[in-house]
């Protein structure tokens, strides 16, 4: 049995516009969720350092809840559950629900990455900056945060690669992305190999690219420390 008998590339080429559109949707949805989760993740990371016990408790509870439940359940809860809450009662389109769910999910992981990057910087540097006449705020902005950014860029890129793969879950709520293009092939041609292998190749290439960027960023910032 030859490869052509297992995987009919002509079918994949015939649906190339569908896969291209699905790939584009996957990329821009991932980019939006990545930017949003970075911003909210920074706020959640700051909440870990809050002097308020209740804020810290709320932040920890949120992170642990998100990390301990499957993404698909979170997507279904946003899609089906929010509209059922009497206080809200706001029906949301599938795309908005998908972006909201992915952002909430990814924010929990981004906050831990950012918090870990900040905690990796020697806290004694803040005391040294104060001895030079800097305020704590100035020390954080000019000394701690630049080093923390160097620490978090590689893992953020890695989390971005995971986020791109996670967009496939949105096909369950009728958001068109890369996997949805494969489901179109499955529905039209009933050819599961071509329907699922083709998106898998796309996800694999994107994932490999993101991991390559993460590795290069890690080497770059490691070199700057020496």
N, C-alpha and C. Protein backbone atom coordinates (compact mmCIF):
# COMPACT_ATOMS: atom_id res chain seq x y z
N UNK A 1 0.85 -1.20 0.00
CA UNK A 1 0.00 0.00 0.00
C UNK A 1 0.88 1.25 0.00
N UNK A 2 0.63 2.14 -0.93
CA UNK A 2 1.43 3.35 -1.06
C UNK A 2 0.82 4.48 -0.24
N UNK A 3 1.63 5.54 -0.06
CA UNK A 3 1.15 6.71 0.68
C UNK A 3 -0.04 7.37 -0.01
N UNK A 4 -0.02 7.37 -1.35
CA UNK A 4 -1.12 7.99 -2.11
C UNK A 4 -2.43 7.26 -1.87
N UNK A 5 -2.35 5.94 -1.58
CA UNK A 5 -3.57 5.18 -1.31
C UNK A 5 -4.11 5.46 0.09
N UNK A 6 -3.22 5.85 0.99
CA UNK A 6 -3.64 6.16 2.37
C UNK A 6 -4.14 7.60 2.47
N UNK A 7 -3.38 8.51 1.84
CA UNK A 7 -3.70 9.94 1.93
C UNK A 7 -3.81 10.51 0.53
N UNK A 8 -5.01 10.91 0.14
CA UNK A 8 -5.26 11.46 -1.18
C UNK A 8 -5.01 12.96 -1.14
N UNK A 9 -3.82 13.37 -1.55
CA UNK A 9 -3.48 14.78 -1.47
C UNK A 9 -4.31 15.64 -2.42
N UNK A 10 -4.88 15.03 -3.45
CA UNK A 10 -5.71 15.79 -4.38
C UNK A 10 -6.96 16.33 -3.68
N UNK A 11 -7.48 15.54 -2.76
CA UNK A 11 -8.65 16.00 -2.00
C UNK A 11 -8.27 17.19 -1.13
N UNK A 12 -7.10 17.09 -0.49
CA UNK A 12 -6.63 18.20 0.34
C UNK A 12 -6.43 19.46 -0.49
N UNK A 13 -5.89 19.30 -1.70
CA UNK A 13 -5.68 20.46 -2.57
C UNK A 13 -7.01 21.05 -3.03
N UNK A 14 -7.99 20.18 -3.25
CA UNK A 14 -9.30 20.67 -3.69
C UNK A 14 -9.95 21.53 -2.62
N UNK A 15 -9.64 21.25 -1.35
CA UNK A 15 -10.20 22.02 -0.24
C UNK A 15 -9.18 23.00 0.34
N UNK A 16 -8.17 23.30 -0.44
CA UNK A 16 -7.12 24.21 0.04
C UNK A 16 -7.67 25.57 0.48
N UNK A 17 -8.61 26.19 -0.26
CA UNK A 17 -9.17 27.47 0.23
C UNK A 17 -9.83 27.35 1.60
N UNK A 18 -10.50 26.22 1.85
CA UNK A 18 -11.13 26.01 3.16
C UNK A 18 -10.08 25.90 4.25
N UNK A 19 -9.02 25.13 3.98
CA UNK A 19 -7.96 24.98 4.97
C UNK A 19 -7.22 26.31 5.19
N UNK A 20 -7.02 27.07 4.11
CA UNK A 20 -6.35 28.36 4.24
C UNK A 20 -7.16 29.33 5.09
N UNK A 21 -8.47 29.34 4.87
CA UNK A 21 -9.34 30.21 5.66
C UNK A 21 -9.38 29.74 7.12
N UNK A 22 -9.43 28.44 7.32
CA UNK A 22 -9.41 27.90 8.68
C UNK A 22 -8.11 28.22 9.39
N UNK A 23 -6.99 28.14 8.66
CA UNK A 23 -5.69 28.46 9.24
C UNK A 23 -5.62 29.93 9.63
N UNK A 24 -6.12 30.80 8.74
CA UNK A 24 -6.13 32.23 9.04
C UNK A 24 -6.98 32.52 10.28
N UNK A 25 -8.13 31.88 10.39
CA UNK A 25 -9.00 32.07 11.55
C UNK A 25 -8.30 31.60 12.82
N UNK A 26 -7.65 30.45 12.74
CA UNK A 26 -6.92 29.94 13.90
C UNK A 26 -5.85 30.92 14.35
N UNK A 27 -5.11 31.49 13.41
CA UNK A 27 -4.01 32.38 13.76
C UNK A 27 -4.51 33.69 14.37
N UNK A 28 -5.55 34.30 13.78
CA UNK A 28 -5.96 35.60 14.32
C UNK A 28 -6.72 35.44 15.64
N UNK A 29 -7.47 34.35 15.78
CA UNK A 29 -8.12 34.09 17.07
C UNK A 29 -7.08 33.87 18.15
N UNK A 30 -6.03 33.11 17.82
CA UNK A 30 -4.96 32.85 18.78
C UNK A 30 -4.24 34.15 19.15
N UNK A 31 -3.99 35.01 18.16
CA UNK A 31 -3.30 36.27 18.42
C UNK A 31 -4.11 37.17 19.35
N UNK A 32 -5.42 37.25 19.10
CA UNK A 32 -6.28 38.07 19.96
C UNK A 32 -6.29 37.53 21.38
N UNK A 33 -6.47 36.22 21.53
CA UNK A 33 -6.51 35.60 22.86
C UNK A 33 -5.17 35.73 23.57
N UNK A 34 -4.08 35.64 22.81
CA UNK A 34 -2.75 35.77 23.41
C UNK A 34 -2.54 37.17 23.97
N UNK A 35 -2.91 38.18 23.20
CA UNK A 35 -2.75 39.57 23.67
C UNK A 35 -3.62 39.84 24.90
N UNK A 36 -4.87 39.39 24.84
CA UNK A 36 -5.78 39.60 25.97
C UNK A 36 -5.30 38.86 27.22
N UNK A 37 -4.88 37.63 27.05
CA UNK A 37 -4.45 36.84 28.21
C UNK A 37 -3.15 37.38 28.80
N UNK A 38 -2.30 37.99 27.98
CA UNK A 38 -1.10 38.62 28.52
C UNK A 38 -1.46 39.80 29.42
N UNK A 39 -2.38 40.64 28.95
CA UNK A 39 -2.79 41.79 29.76
C UNK A 39 -3.47 41.37 31.04
N UNK A 40 -4.44 40.49 30.94
CA UNK A 40 -5.14 40.02 32.14
C UNK A 40 -4.24 39.17 33.02
N UNK A 41 -3.33 38.42 32.39
CA UNK A 41 -2.40 37.60 33.16
C UNK A 41 -1.48 38.44 34.02
N UNK A 42 -1.06 39.60 33.51
CA UNK A 42 -0.22 40.51 34.29
C UNK A 42 -0.99 41.03 35.50
N UNK A 43 -2.29 41.32 35.31
CA UNK A 43 -3.11 41.80 36.44
C UNK A 43 -3.29 40.70 37.49
N UNK A 44 -3.52 39.47 37.02
CA UNK A 44 -3.68 38.37 37.95
C UNK A 44 -2.38 38.11 38.70
N UNK A 45 -1.25 38.21 38.00
CA UNK A 45 0.05 38.03 38.65
C UNK A 45 0.27 39.09 39.72
N UNK A 46 -0.15 40.31 39.45
CA UNK A 46 -0.05 41.37 40.45
C UNK A 46 -0.95 41.06 41.64
N UNK A 47 -2.10 40.42 41.38
CA UNK A 47 -3.00 40.05 42.47
C UNK A 47 -2.37 39.08 43.44
N UNK A 48 -1.45 38.23 42.95
CA UNK A 48 -0.74 37.30 43.84
C UNK A 48 0.08 38.05 44.88
N UNK A 49 0.58 39.23 44.51
CA UNK A 49 1.43 40.00 45.41
C UNK A 49 0.65 41.03 46.21
N UNK A 50 -0.68 41.02 46.09
CA UNK A 50 -1.51 42.00 46.79
C UNK A 50 -1.41 41.81 48.30
N UNK A 51 -1.54 42.90 49.02
CA UNK A 51 -1.54 42.83 50.48
C UNK A 51 -2.88 42.37 51.02
N UNK A 52 -3.90 42.37 50.16
CA UNK A 52 -5.22 41.92 50.58
C UNK A 52 -5.31 40.40 50.52
N UNK A 53 -5.67 39.81 51.63
CA UNK A 53 -5.80 38.35 51.69
C UNK A 53 -6.91 37.86 50.78
N UNK A 54 -7.97 38.63 50.66
CA UNK A 54 -9.12 38.22 49.84
C UNK A 54 -8.78 38.27 48.35
N UNK A 55 -8.01 39.25 47.96
CA UNK A 55 -7.59 39.32 46.55
C UNK A 55 -6.70 38.12 46.22
N UNK A 56 -5.75 37.83 47.10
CA UNK A 56 -4.87 36.68 46.87
C UNK A 56 -5.67 35.39 46.82
N UNK A 57 -6.64 35.25 47.71
CA UNK A 57 -7.47 34.04 47.74
C UNK A 57 -8.28 33.92 46.45
N UNK A 58 -8.85 35.03 45.99
CA UNK A 58 -9.63 35.01 44.75
C UNK A 58 -8.78 34.65 43.54
N UNK A 59 -7.57 35.21 43.49
CA UNK A 59 -6.67 34.95 42.37
C UNK A 59 -6.24 33.48 42.36
N UNK A 60 -5.86 32.96 43.50
CA UNK A 60 -5.42 31.57 43.60
C UNK A 60 -6.56 30.63 43.25
N UNK A 61 -7.76 30.95 43.74
CA UNK A 61 -8.93 30.10 43.45
C UNK A 61 -9.22 30.07 41.95
N UNK A 62 -9.15 31.23 41.32
CA UNK A 62 -9.39 31.30 39.88
C UNK A 62 -8.38 30.47 39.10
N UNK A 63 -7.10 30.64 39.42
CA UNK A 63 -6.04 29.92 38.70
C UNK A 63 -6.20 28.42 38.87
N UNK A 64 -6.44 27.99 40.10
CA UNK A 64 -6.56 26.55 40.35
C UNK A 64 -7.82 25.97 39.70
N UNK A 65 -8.90 26.73 39.71
CA UNK A 65 -10.14 26.26 39.07
C UNK A 65 -9.94 26.06 37.58
N UNK A 66 -9.31 27.02 36.92
CA UNK A 66 -9.10 26.93 35.47
C UNK A 66 -8.14 25.80 35.13
N UNK A 67 -7.09 25.68 35.90
CA UNK A 67 -6.07 24.68 35.59
C UNK A 67 -6.53 23.26 35.90
N UNK A 68 -7.56 23.12 36.72
CA UNK A 68 -8.00 21.78 37.13
C UNK A 68 -9.24 21.30 36.37
N UNK A 69 -9.76 22.12 35.46
CA UNK A 69 -10.93 21.71 34.69
C UNK A 69 -10.60 21.70 33.20
N UNK A 70 -11.21 20.80 32.42
CA UNK A 70 -10.91 20.72 30.99
C UNK A 70 -11.37 21.98 30.24
N UNK A 71 -10.62 22.33 29.22
CA UNK A 71 -10.95 23.50 28.41
C UNK A 71 -12.32 23.35 27.76
N UNK A 72 -12.65 22.15 27.29
CA UNK A 72 -13.92 21.95 26.61
C UNK A 72 -15.10 22.27 27.53
N UNK A 73 -14.99 21.89 28.79
CA UNK A 73 -16.06 22.20 29.76
C UNK A 73 -16.17 23.71 29.94
N UNK A 74 -15.04 24.39 29.99
CA UNK A 74 -15.06 25.84 30.12
C UNK A 74 -15.71 26.50 28.90
N UNK A 75 -15.41 25.99 27.72
CA UNK A 75 -16.02 26.53 26.49
C UNK A 75 -17.52 26.31 26.51
N UNK A 76 -17.95 25.11 26.89
CA UNK A 76 -19.39 24.81 26.94
C UNK A 76 -20.09 25.66 27.99
N UNK A 77 -19.42 25.88 29.11
CA UNK A 77 -20.03 26.70 30.16
C UNK A 77 -20.24 28.13 29.68
N UNK A 78 -19.24 28.68 29.01
CA UNK A 78 -19.37 30.05 28.48
C UNK A 78 -20.46 30.09 27.42
N UNK A 79 -20.47 29.10 26.53
CA UNK A 79 -21.38 29.11 25.38
C UNK A 79 -22.84 28.85 25.79
N UNK A 80 -23.02 27.83 26.66
CA UNK A 80 -24.38 27.47 27.04
C UNK A 80 -24.81 28.07 28.38
N UNK A 81 -23.86 28.29 29.27
CA UNK A 81 -24.20 28.68 30.63
C UNK A 81 -24.46 30.15 30.84
N UNK A 82 -23.66 31.02 30.23
CA UNK A 82 -23.80 32.45 30.50
C UNK A 82 -25.18 32.98 30.11
N UNK A 83 -25.69 32.49 29.00
CA UNK A 83 -27.01 32.96 28.54
C UNK A 83 -28.12 32.52 29.49
N UNK A 84 -27.84 31.50 30.33
CA UNK A 84 -28.86 31.01 31.25
C UNK A 84 -28.84 31.73 32.60
N UNK A 85 -27.83 32.57 32.82
CA UNK A 85 -27.76 33.32 34.08
C UNK A 85 -28.71 34.50 33.99
N UNK A 86 -29.72 34.57 34.86
CA UNK A 86 -30.72 35.64 34.76
C UNK A 86 -30.15 37.04 34.80
N UNK A 87 -29.11 37.24 35.61
CA UNK A 87 -28.53 38.58 35.73
C UNK A 87 -27.93 39.03 34.41
N UNK A 88 -27.29 38.10 33.71
CA UNK A 88 -26.65 38.44 32.44
C UNK A 88 -27.65 38.37 31.29
N UNK A 89 -28.10 37.15 31.03
CA UNK A 89 -29.10 36.93 29.98
C UNK A 89 -28.72 37.62 28.67
N UNK A 90 -27.42 37.51 28.34
CA UNK A 90 -26.92 38.13 27.11
C UNK A 90 -26.44 37.01 26.18
N UNK A 91 -27.21 36.69 25.16
CA UNK A 91 -26.73 35.68 24.21
C UNK A 91 -25.52 36.19 23.44
N UNK A 92 -24.50 35.38 23.38
CA UNK A 92 -23.27 35.77 22.70
C UNK A 92 -23.06 34.89 21.48
N UNK A 93 -22.54 35.45 20.38
CA UNK A 93 -22.24 34.63 19.21
C UNK A 93 -21.13 33.64 19.52
N UNK A 94 -21.07 32.54 18.79
CA UNK A 94 -20.06 31.51 19.08
C UNK A 94 -18.63 32.05 19.09
N UNK A 95 -18.29 32.93 18.15
CA UNK A 95 -16.92 33.43 18.09
C UNK A 95 -16.57 34.20 19.34
N UNK A 96 -17.47 35.07 19.82
CA UNK A 96 -17.21 35.83 21.04
C UNK A 96 -17.07 34.89 22.24
N UNK A 97 -17.92 33.87 22.30
CA UNK A 97 -17.82 32.88 23.39
C UNK A 97 -16.49 32.16 23.34
N UNK A 98 -16.05 31.78 22.13
CA UNK A 98 -14.79 31.07 21.99
C UNK A 98 -13.61 31.91 22.42
N UNK A 99 -13.58 33.17 21.99
CA UNK A 99 -12.48 34.06 22.38
C UNK A 99 -12.49 34.29 23.88
N UNK A 100 -13.67 34.50 24.46
CA UNK A 100 -13.77 34.70 25.90
C UNK A 100 -13.28 33.48 26.66
N UNK A 101 -13.71 32.29 26.24
CA UNK A 101 -13.32 31.07 26.94
C UNK A 101 -11.81 30.82 26.84
N UNK A 102 -11.25 30.99 25.64
CA UNK A 102 -9.81 30.79 25.47
C UNK A 102 -9.01 31.82 26.26
N UNK A 103 -9.50 33.06 26.32
CA UNK A 103 -8.80 34.10 27.07
C UNK A 103 -8.81 33.79 28.56
N UNK A 104 -9.97 33.41 29.08
CA UNK A 104 -10.06 33.05 30.50
C UNK A 104 -9.15 31.87 30.82
N UNK A 105 -9.15 30.89 29.93
CA UNK A 105 -8.32 29.70 30.14
C UNK A 105 -6.83 30.04 30.10
N UNK A 106 -6.44 30.78 29.08
CA UNK A 106 -5.02 31.08 28.90
C UNK A 106 -4.50 32.07 29.93
N UNK A 107 -5.37 32.96 30.43
CA UNK A 107 -4.94 33.95 31.42
C UNK A 107 -4.39 33.28 32.67
N UNK A 108 -5.01 32.19 33.08
CA UNK A 108 -4.54 31.49 34.28
C UNK A 108 -3.10 31.02 34.11
N UNK A 109 -2.78 30.48 32.94
CA UNK A 109 -1.43 29.99 32.68
C UNK A 109 -0.44 31.14 32.48
N UNK A 110 -0.89 32.18 31.79
CA UNK A 110 -0.03 33.34 31.58
C UNK A 110 0.33 34.01 32.90
N UNK A 111 -0.62 34.08 33.81
CA UNK A 111 -0.36 34.72 35.10
C UNK A 111 0.73 33.97 35.88
N UNK A 112 0.70 32.64 35.80
CA UNK A 112 1.73 31.85 36.48
C UNK A 112 3.09 32.03 35.81
N UNK A 113 3.11 32.15 34.49
CA UNK A 113 4.36 32.39 33.78
C UNK A 113 4.94 33.74 34.19
N UNK A 114 4.10 34.77 34.19
CA UNK A 114 4.56 36.12 34.54
C UNK A 114 5.00 36.17 36.00
N UNK A 115 4.22 35.57 36.88
CA UNK A 115 4.59 35.55 38.30
C UNK A 115 5.91 34.83 38.52
N UNK A 116 6.09 33.71 37.82
CA UNK A 116 7.36 32.99 37.94
C UNK A 116 8.53 33.80 37.42
N UNK A 117 8.31 34.57 36.33
CA UNK A 117 9.38 35.41 35.79
C UNK A 117 9.78 36.50 36.75
N UNK A 118 8.81 37.09 37.43
CA UNK A 118 9.11 38.16 38.40
C UNK A 118 9.82 37.58 39.62
N UNK A 119 9.34 36.44 40.11
CA UNK A 119 9.94 35.83 41.30
C UNK A 119 11.34 35.28 41.02
N UNK A 120 11.67 35.03 39.74
CA UNK A 120 13.00 34.52 39.41
C UNK A 120 14.07 35.60 39.53
N UNK A 121 13.66 36.87 39.55
CA UNK A 121 14.62 37.96 39.69
C UNK A 121 14.97 38.11 41.17
N UNK A 122 16.25 38.24 41.46
CA UNK A 122 16.72 38.36 42.84
C UNK A 122 16.07 39.56 43.52
N UNK A 123 15.27 39.33 44.57
CA UNK A 123 14.60 40.45 45.24
C UNK A 123 15.58 41.41 45.90
N UNK A 124 16.79 40.94 46.12
CA UNK A 124 17.80 41.82 46.71
C UNK A 124 18.14 43.01 45.82
N UNK A 125 17.83 42.88 44.52
CA UNK A 125 18.10 43.98 43.62
C UNK A 125 17.20 45.19 43.92
N UNK A 126 16.02 44.93 44.45
CA UNK A 126 15.13 46.04 44.83
C UNK A 126 15.74 46.81 45.99
N UNK A 127 16.28 46.08 46.96
CA UNK A 127 16.91 46.75 48.10
C UNK A 127 18.14 47.52 47.65
N UNK A 128 18.88 46.96 46.69
CA UNK A 128 20.05 47.67 46.18
C UNK A 128 19.65 48.94 45.46
N UNK A 129 18.52 48.86 44.70
CA UNK A 129 18.03 50.06 44.01
C UNK A 129 17.58 51.12 45.00
N UNK A 130 16.95 50.70 46.10
CA UNK A 130 16.52 51.66 47.11
C UNK A 130 17.72 52.34 47.76
N UNK A 131 18.79 51.57 47.93
CA UNK A 131 20.00 52.15 48.50
C UNK A 131 20.60 53.21 47.60
N UNK A 132 20.31 53.12 46.29
CA UNK A 132 20.78 54.12 45.33
C UNK A 132 19.82 55.29 45.19
N UNK A 133 18.75 55.27 45.97
CA UNK A 133 17.82 56.39 45.95
C UNK A 133 16.56 56.16 45.13
N UNK A 134 16.39 54.96 44.56
CA UNK A 134 15.17 54.68 43.79
C UNK A 134 14.02 54.31 44.72
N UNK A 135 12.82 54.64 44.28
CA UNK A 135 11.64 54.16 44.98
C UNK A 135 11.39 52.72 44.56
N UNK A 136 10.48 52.04 45.29
CA UNK A 136 10.16 50.66 44.93
C UNK A 136 9.56 50.60 43.53
N UNK A 137 8.71 51.58 43.20
CA UNK A 137 8.09 51.62 41.88
C UNK A 137 9.14 51.77 40.79
N UNK A 138 10.10 52.67 41.00
CA UNK A 138 11.17 52.86 40.02
C UNK A 138 12.02 51.61 39.88
N UNK A 139 12.27 50.95 41.00
CA UNK A 139 13.08 49.73 40.96
C UNK A 139 12.37 48.63 40.17
N UNK A 140 11.06 48.52 40.37
CA UNK A 140 10.31 47.51 39.65
C UNK A 140 10.30 47.79 38.15
N UNK A 141 10.08 49.06 37.78
CA UNK A 141 9.97 49.43 36.36
C UNK A 141 11.30 49.32 35.65
N UNK A 142 12.37 49.80 36.27
CA UNK A 142 13.66 49.91 35.58
C UNK A 142 14.59 48.71 35.80
N UNK A 143 14.35 47.92 36.83
CA UNK A 143 15.27 46.82 37.14
C UNK A 143 14.58 45.45 37.09
N UNK A 144 13.48 45.31 37.82
CA UNK A 144 12.85 44.00 37.95
C UNK A 144 12.10 43.59 36.69
N UNK A 145 11.23 44.49 36.21
CA UNK A 145 10.39 44.15 35.06
C UNK A 145 11.20 43.83 33.79
N UNK A 146 12.25 44.60 33.44
CA UNK A 146 13.03 44.24 32.24
C UNK A 146 13.63 42.83 32.33
N UNK A 147 14.12 42.47 33.51
CA UNK A 147 14.67 41.12 33.67
C UNK A 147 13.57 40.07 33.64
N UNK A 148 12.41 40.41 34.21
CA UNK A 148 11.29 39.47 34.21
C UNK A 148 10.80 39.21 32.78
N UNK A 149 10.78 40.26 31.95
CA UNK A 149 10.36 40.10 30.56
C UNK A 149 11.28 39.12 29.84
N UNK A 150 12.58 39.25 30.08
CA UNK A 150 13.53 38.32 29.47
C UNK A 150 13.27 36.89 29.93
N UNK A 151 12.82 36.74 31.17
CA UNK A 151 12.55 35.40 31.70
C UNK A 151 11.29 34.77 31.10
N UNK A 152 10.29 35.62 30.80
CA UNK A 152 8.98 35.06 30.44
C UNK A 152 8.73 34.93 28.95
N UNK A 153 9.52 35.61 28.11
CA UNK A 153 9.24 35.56 26.67
C UNK A 153 9.29 34.13 26.11
N UNK A 154 10.32 33.32 26.42
CA UNK A 154 10.31 31.93 25.89
C UNK A 154 9.09 31.11 26.34
N UNK A 155 8.76 31.08 27.64
CA UNK A 155 7.57 30.30 28.01
C UNK A 155 6.26 30.88 27.48
N UNK A 156 6.20 32.20 27.28
CA UNK A 156 5.00 32.80 26.70
C UNK A 156 4.81 32.31 25.27
N UNK A 157 5.90 32.24 24.51
CA UNK A 157 5.82 31.71 23.15
C UNK A 157 5.40 30.25 23.17
N UNK A 158 5.91 29.50 24.14
CA UNK A 158 5.50 28.10 24.27
C UNK A 158 4.01 27.98 24.60
N UNK A 159 3.52 28.85 25.49
CA UNK A 159 2.10 28.84 25.82
C UNK A 159 1.27 29.29 24.62
N UNK A 160 1.84 30.19 23.81
CA UNK A 160 1.17 30.60 22.58
C UNK A 160 0.97 29.43 21.64
N UNK A 161 1.97 28.55 21.57
CA UNK A 161 1.84 27.35 20.73
C UNK A 161 0.72 26.44 21.23
N UNK A 162 0.62 26.31 22.55
CA UNK A 162 -0.46 25.51 23.13
C UNK A 162 -1.82 26.16 22.84
N UNK A 163 -1.86 27.48 22.92
CA UNK A 163 -3.10 28.20 22.65
C UNK A 163 -3.58 27.98 21.22
N UNK A 164 -2.66 27.96 20.28
CA UNK A 164 -3.02 27.72 18.88
C UNK A 164 -3.66 26.34 18.73
N UNK A 165 -3.12 25.35 19.40
CA UNK A 165 -3.73 24.01 19.33
C UNK A 165 -5.10 23.99 20.01
N UNK A 166 -5.23 24.76 21.08
CA UNK A 166 -6.49 24.77 21.83
C UNK A 166 -7.65 25.35 21.02
N UNK A 167 -7.35 26.15 20.00
CA UNK A 167 -8.44 26.71 19.20
C UNK A 167 -9.27 25.63 18.52
N UNK A 168 -8.71 24.44 18.38
CA UNK A 168 -9.46 23.35 17.73
C UNK A 168 -10.73 23.00 18.51
N UNK A 169 -10.73 23.27 19.82
CA UNK A 169 -11.90 22.98 20.65
C UNK A 169 -13.10 23.84 20.22
N UNK A 170 -12.83 25.01 19.64
CA UNK A 170 -13.91 25.91 19.27
C UNK A 170 -14.77 25.36 18.14
N UNK A 171 -14.27 24.35 17.44
CA UNK A 171 -15.09 23.74 16.39
C UNK A 171 -16.34 23.09 16.98
N UNK A 172 -16.33 22.78 18.28
CA UNK A 172 -17.48 22.16 18.93
C UNK A 172 -18.63 23.15 19.14
N UNK A 173 -18.33 24.45 19.03
CA UNK A 173 -19.40 25.45 19.16
C UNK A 173 -19.56 26.21 17.84
N UNK A 174 -19.20 25.57 16.75
CA UNK A 174 -19.43 26.09 15.39
C UNK A 174 -18.61 27.32 15.06
N UNK A 175 -17.43 27.45 15.66
CA UNK A 175 -16.49 28.50 15.25
C UNK A 175 -15.60 27.91 14.16
N UNK A 176 -15.53 28.59 13.03
CA UNK A 176 -14.77 28.05 11.90
C UNK A 176 -13.28 28.32 12.10
N UNK A 177 -12.52 27.26 12.18
CA UNK A 177 -11.06 27.35 12.28
C UNK A 177 -10.47 26.15 11.54
N UNK A 178 -9.22 25.83 11.79
CA UNK A 178 -8.53 24.83 10.99
C UNK A 178 -9.19 23.46 11.06
N UNK A 179 -9.53 23.02 12.26
CA UNK A 179 -10.19 21.71 12.39
C UNK A 179 -11.55 21.71 11.71
N UNK A 180 -12.24 22.84 11.73
CA UNK A 180 -13.55 22.93 11.07
C UNK A 180 -13.44 22.67 9.58
N UNK A 181 -12.32 23.11 8.98
CA UNK A 181 -12.10 22.82 7.56
C UNK A 181 -11.99 21.32 7.33
N UNK A 182 -11.33 20.63 8.23
CA UNK A 182 -11.25 19.18 8.12
C UNK A 182 -12.61 18.52 8.28
N UNK A 183 -13.42 19.05 9.19
CA UNK A 183 -14.76 18.51 9.37
C UNK A 183 -15.63 18.73 8.12
N UNK A 184 -15.35 19.81 7.40
CA UNK A 184 -16.05 20.05 6.13
C UNK A 184 -15.71 18.95 5.12
N UNK A 185 -14.42 18.61 5.05
CA UNK A 185 -14.00 17.52 4.16
C UNK A 185 -14.66 16.21 4.57
N UNK A 186 -14.70 15.96 5.87
CA UNK A 186 -15.31 14.73 6.36
C UNK A 186 -16.80 14.67 5.99
N UNK A 187 -17.47 15.81 6.10
CA UNK A 187 -18.90 15.85 5.79
C UNK A 187 -19.16 15.69 4.29
N UNK A 188 -18.31 16.30 3.47
CA UNK A 188 -18.54 16.27 2.01
C UNK A 188 -18.08 14.96 1.38
N UNK A 189 -16.91 14.49 1.81
CA UNK A 189 -16.29 13.35 1.12
C UNK A 189 -16.25 12.07 1.95
N UNK A 190 -16.52 12.16 3.25
CA UNK A 190 -16.41 11.02 4.16
C UNK A 190 -15.04 10.38 4.01
N UNK A 191 -14.00 11.20 4.13
CA UNK A 191 -12.61 10.73 4.03
C UNK A 191 -11.88 11.21 5.29
N UNK A 192 -11.96 10.43 6.37
CA UNK A 192 -11.42 10.88 7.65
C UNK A 192 -9.92 11.10 7.66
N UNK A 193 -9.17 10.32 6.88
CA UNK A 193 -7.71 10.50 6.87
C UNK A 193 -7.37 11.89 6.36
N UNK A 194 -7.90 12.25 5.22
CA UNK A 194 -7.62 13.57 4.65
C UNK A 194 -8.22 14.68 5.52
N UNK A 195 -9.36 14.39 6.14
CA UNK A 195 -10.06 15.39 6.96
C UNK A 195 -9.28 15.75 8.21
N UNK A 196 -8.58 14.78 8.82
CA UNK A 196 -7.92 15.03 10.09
C UNK A 196 -6.40 15.14 9.97
N UNK A 197 -5.82 14.43 9.02
CA UNK A 197 -4.37 14.52 8.86
C UNK A 197 -3.95 15.91 8.38
N UNK A 198 -4.73 16.49 7.47
CA UNK A 198 -4.37 17.80 6.92
C UNK A 198 -4.35 18.88 8.00
N UNK A 199 -5.40 19.02 8.84
CA UNK A 199 -5.29 19.99 9.94
C UNK A 199 -4.17 19.66 10.91
N UNK A 200 -3.96 18.36 11.14
CA UNK A 200 -2.88 17.96 12.06
C UNK A 200 -1.53 18.45 11.56
N UNK A 201 -1.30 18.36 10.26
CA UNK A 201 -0.06 18.85 9.67
C UNK A 201 0.06 20.37 9.88
N UNK A 202 -1.06 21.07 9.69
CA UNK A 202 -1.05 22.51 9.90
C UNK A 202 -0.72 22.88 11.34
N UNK A 203 -1.37 22.22 12.30
CA UNK A 203 -1.07 22.48 13.71
C UNK A 203 0.38 22.14 14.04
N UNK A 204 0.87 21.04 13.47
CA UNK A 204 2.24 20.61 13.73
C UNK A 204 3.25 21.66 13.24
N UNK A 205 3.02 22.19 12.05
CA UNK A 205 3.94 23.19 11.50
C UNK A 205 3.93 24.47 12.34
N UNK A 206 2.74 24.92 12.74
CA UNK A 206 2.65 26.12 13.57
C UNK A 206 3.32 25.89 14.92
N UNK A 207 3.05 24.72 15.50
CA UNK A 207 3.62 24.40 16.81
C UNK A 207 5.15 24.36 16.73
N UNK A 208 5.67 23.75 15.67
CA UNK A 208 7.12 23.68 15.50
C UNK A 208 7.73 25.07 15.34
N UNK A 209 7.04 25.94 14.60
CA UNK A 209 7.52 27.31 14.43
C UNK A 209 7.55 28.06 15.75
N UNK A 210 6.50 27.94 16.55
CA UNK A 210 6.44 28.63 17.84
C UNK A 210 7.51 28.12 18.79
N UNK A 211 7.73 26.82 18.82
CA UNK A 211 8.75 26.25 19.69
C UNK A 211 10.14 26.67 19.24
N UNK A 212 10.35 26.79 17.92
CA UNK A 212 11.63 27.27 17.40
C UNK A 212 11.89 28.71 17.84
N UNK A 213 10.86 29.56 17.74
CA UNK A 213 10.99 30.95 18.20
C UNK A 213 11.26 31.00 19.70
N UNK A 214 10.59 30.13 20.45
CA UNK A 214 10.80 30.09 21.90
C UNK A 214 12.23 29.70 22.24
N UNK A 215 12.75 28.69 21.55
CA UNK A 215 14.13 28.24 21.79
C UNK A 215 15.13 29.33 21.43
N UNK A 216 14.90 30.02 20.33
CA UNK A 216 15.81 31.11 19.92
C UNK A 216 15.76 32.26 20.91
N UNK A 217 14.55 32.59 21.38
CA UNK A 217 14.43 33.66 22.36
C UNK A 217 15.14 33.29 23.66
N UNK A 218 15.03 32.02 24.03
CA UNK A 218 15.69 31.56 25.26
C UNK A 218 17.20 31.67 25.13
N UNK A 219 17.74 31.26 23.98
CA UNK A 219 19.19 31.37 23.77
C UNK A 219 19.63 32.83 23.71
N UNK A 220 18.80 33.67 23.08
CA UNK A 220 19.14 35.08 22.95
C UNK A 220 19.25 35.75 24.30
N UNK A 221 18.24 35.55 25.16
CA UNK A 221 18.26 36.22 26.44
C UNK A 221 19.26 35.57 27.39
N UNK A 222 19.51 34.26 27.21
CA UNK A 222 20.54 33.62 28.02
C UNK A 222 21.91 34.19 27.69
N UNK A 223 22.15 34.49 26.40
CA UNK A 223 23.42 35.07 25.99
C UNK A 223 23.61 36.48 26.52
N UNK A 224 22.51 37.22 26.64
CA UNK A 224 22.61 38.61 27.12
C UNK A 224 22.92 38.67 28.61
N UNK A 225 22.67 37.58 29.32
CA UNK A 225 22.93 37.59 30.76
C UNK A 225 24.40 37.38 31.07
N UNK A 226 25.15 36.89 30.05
CA UNK A 226 26.57 36.59 30.29
C UNK A 226 27.46 37.71 29.74
